[in-house]
Amino acid sequence: MVSFDLLVVIAGIIYGYSKEGREDRWHMLKKGIKIGIVLGIALGILGLLMGGVMAGLAAGVVGIIALPLVAFVIALEFVIGTFIGDILERAVKK
């Protein structure tokens, strides 16, 4: 079975190869972290509404800490894929 990490890298390779020129990788990383923070806050609010104060605090702390880290790792894998895709683009399209 194919891992999610490999799929993210392959998607990055396809994105980097199909898009002309170099991508703004720093912008992609920042956007991934922002998405993780927003999801973490949303998870905390949802936990607070669904399960009370303790569940909300637990979900909020886990969400605010874990989701930005997960989003950063996924964004980093995608950026690695775009880097490989850019190398392939330069090698093949010359």
C-alpha atoms as a PDB file:
ATOM      1  CA  MET A   1       0.000   0.000   0.000  1.00  0.00           C
ATOM      2  CA  VAL A   2       1.280   3.448  -0.918  1.00  0.00           C
ATOM      3  CA  SER A   3       1.985   5.792   1.977  1.00  0.00           C
ATOM      4  CA  PHE A   4       0.480   9.245   2.222  1.00  0.00           C
ATOM      5  CA  ASP A   5       3.967  10.781   2.365  1.00  0.00           C
ATOM      6  CA  LEU A   6       4.887   9.258  -0.971  1.00  0.00           C
ATOM      7  CA  LEU A   7       1.656  10.547  -2.516  1.00  0.00           C
ATOM      8  CA  VAL A   8       2.416  14.069  -1.272  1.00  0.00           C
ATOM      9  CA  VAL A   9       5.924  13.955  -2.757  1.00  0.00           C
ATOM     10  CA  ILE A  10       4.570  12.619  -6.067  1.00  0.00           C
ATOM     11  CA  ALA A  11       1.953  15.393  -6.123  1.00  0.00           C
ATOM     12  CA  GLY A  12       4.750  17.901  -5.518  1.00  0.00           C
ATOM     13  CA  ILE A  13       6.793  16.431  -8.361  1.00  0.00           C
ATOM     14  CA  ILE A  14       3.835  16.689 -10.724  1.00  0.00           C
ATOM     15  CA  TYR A  15       3.131  20.249  -9.585  1.00  0.00           C
ATOM     16  CA  GLY A  16       6.768  21.308  -9.928  1.00  0.00           C
ATOM     17  CA  TYR A  17       7.119  19.693 -13.345  1.00  0.00           C
ATOM     18  CA  SER A  18       3.874  21.016 -14.812  1.00  0.00           C
ATOM     19  CA  LYS A  19       4.242  24.611 -13.590  1.00  0.00           C
ATOM     20  CA  GLU A  20       6.601  26.820 -15.589  1.00  0.00           C
ATOM     21  CA  GLY A  21       9.533  28.337 -13.732  1.00  0.00           C
ATOM     22  CA  ARG A  22      10.470  28.019 -10.096  1.00  0.00           C
ATOM     23  CA  GLU A  23       7.872  27.944  -7.348  1.00  0.00           C
ATOM     24  CA  ASP A  24       7.924  30.121  -4.229  1.00  0.00           C
ATOM     25  CA  ARG A  25       8.740  27.357  -1.762  1.00  0.00           C
ATOM     26  CA  TRP A  26       8.940  29.634   1.282  1.00  0.00           C
ATOM     27  CA  HIS A  27       5.398  30.843   0.560  1.00  0.00           C
ATOM     28  CA  MET A  28       4.207  27.220   0.350  1.00  0.00           C
ATOM     29  CA  LEU A  29       5.701  26.416   3.767  1.00  0.00           C
ATOM     30  CA  LYS A  30       4.166  29.502   5.380  1.00  0.00           C
ATOM     31  CA  LYS A  31       0.782  28.692   3.857  1.00  0.00           C
ATOM     32  CA  GLY A  32       0.982  25.120   5.203  1.00  0.00           C
ATOM     33  CA  ILE A  33       1.689  26.382   8.724  1.00  0.00           C
ATOM     34  CA  LYS A  34      -1.175  28.897   8.522  1.00  0.00           C
ATOM     35  CA  ILE A  35      -3.578  26.148   7.443  1.00  0.00           C
ATOM     36  CA  GLY A  36      -2.409  23.983  10.347  1.00  0.00           C
ATOM     37  CA  ILE A  37      -2.970  26.780  12.866  1.00  0.00           C
ATOM     38  CA  VAL A  38      -6.463  27.486  11.532  1.00  0.00           C
ATOM     39  CA  LEU A  39      -7.356  23.778  11.670  1.00  0.00           C
ATOM     40  CA  GLY A  40      -5.961  23.526  15.201  1.00  0.00           C
ATOM     41  CA  ILE A  41      -8.066  26.434  16.427  1.00  0.00           C
ATOM     42  CA  ALA A  42     -11.146  25.045  14.659  1.00  0.00           C
ATOM     43  CA  LEU A  43     -10.571  21.643  16.291  1.00  0.00           C
ATOM     44  CA  GLY A  44     -10.270  23.302  19.696  1.00  0.00           C
ATOM     45  CA  ILE A  45     -13.509  25.245  19.239  1.00  0.00           C
ATOM     46  CA  LEU A  46     -15.297  22.159  17.959  1.00  0.00           C
ATOM     47  CA  GLY A  47     -14.082  20.144  20.953  1.00  0.00           C
ATOM     48  CA  LEU A  48     -15.237  22.876  23.303  1.00  0.00           C
ATOM     49  CA  LEU A  49     -18.702  22.931  21.759  1.00  0.00           C
ATOM     50  CA  MET A  50     -19.093  19.156  21.556  1.00  0.00           C
ATOM     51  CA  GLY A  51     -17.491  17.842  24.719  1.00  0.00           C
ATOM     52  CA  GLY A  52     -17.304  20.522  27.343  1.00  0.00           C
ATOM     53  CA  VAL A  53     -14.424  22.478  28.787  1.00  0.00           C
ATOM     54  CA  MET A  54     -11.961  19.629  29.420  1.00  0.00           C
ATOM     55  CA  ALA A  55     -12.451  18.053  25.995  1.00  0.00           C
ATOM     56  CA  GLY A  56     -12.184  21.475  24.388  1.00  0.00           C
ATOM     57  CA  LEU A  57      -8.951  22.264  26.187  1.00  0.00           C
ATOM     58  CA  ALA A  58      -7.495  18.862  25.333  1.00  0.00           C
ATOM     59  CA  ALA A  59      -8.520  19.061  21.695  1.00  0.00           C
ATOM     60  CA  GLY A  60      -7.396  22.684  21.508  1.00  0.00           C
ATOM     61  CA  VAL A  61      -3.943  22.027  22.950  1.00  0.00           C
ATOM     62  CA  VAL A  62      -3.415  18.957  20.804  1.00  0.00           C
ATOM     63  CA  GLY A  63      -4.842  20.660  17.756  1.00  0.00           C
ATOM     64  CA  ILE A  64      -2.890  23.888  18.121  1.00  0.00           C
ATOM     65  CA  ILE A  65       0.391  22.036  18.704  1.00  0.00           C
ATOM     66  CA  ALA A  66       0.028  18.952  16.497  1.00  0.00           C
ATOM     67  CA  LEU A  67      -1.798  20.210  13.416  1.00  0.00           C
ATOM     68  CA  PRO A  68       0.709  22.968  12.542  1.00  0.00           C
ATOM     69  CA  LEU A  69       3.503  20.413  12.891  1.00  0.00           C
ATOM     70  CA  VAL A  70       1.695  17.935  10.672  1.00  0.00           C
ATOM     71  CA  ALA A  71       0.880  20.664   8.153  1.00  0.00           C
ATOM     72  CA  PHE A  72       4.534  21.758   8.169  1.00  0.00           C
ATOM     73  CA  VAL A  73       5.740  18.208   7.489  1.00  0.00           C
ATOM     74  CA  ILE A  74       3.247  17.743   4.661  1.00  0.00           C
ATOM     75  CA  ALA A  75       4.159  21.142   3.183  1.00  0.00           C
ATOM     76  CA  LEU A  76       7.857  20.271   3.474  1.00  0.00           C
ATOM     77  CA  GLU A  77       7.306  16.979   1.643  1.00  0.00           C
ATOM     78  CA  PHE A  78       5.371  18.825  -1.067  1.00  0.00           C
ATOM     79  CA  VAL A  79       8.166  21.399  -1.414  1.00  0.00           C
ATOM     80  CA  ILE A  80      10.717  18.590  -1.758  1.00  0.00           C
ATOM     81  CA  GLY A  81       8.537  17.188  -4.545  1.00  0.00           C
ATOM     82  CA  THR A  82       8.374  20.579  -6.289  1.00  0.00           C
ATOM     83  CA  PHE A  83      12.155  20.799  -6.096  1.00  0.00           C
ATOM     84  CA  ILE A  84      12.479  17.402  -7.797  1.00  0.00           C
ATOM     85  CA  GLY A  85       9.816  18.422 -10.335  1.00  0.00           C
ATOM     86  CA  ASP A  86      11.739  21.613 -11.171  1.00  0.00           C
ATOM     87  CA  ILE A  87      14.914  19.578 -11.710  1.00  0.00           C
ATOM     88  CA  LEU A  88      13.028  17.190 -13.999  1.00  0.00           C
ATOM     89  CA  GLU A  89      11.465  20.116 -15.862  1.00  0.00           C
ATOM     90  CA  ARG A  90      14.863  21.651 -16.582  1.00  0.00           C
ATOM     91  CA  ALA A  91      16.354  18.296 -17.621  1.00  0.00           C
ATOM     92  CA  VAL A  92      13.507  17.100 -19.840  1.00  0.00           C
ATOM     93  CA  LYS A  93      12.277  20.327 -21.428  1.00  0.00           C
ATOM     94  CA  LYS A  94      15.717  21.453 -22.665  1.00  0.00           C
END
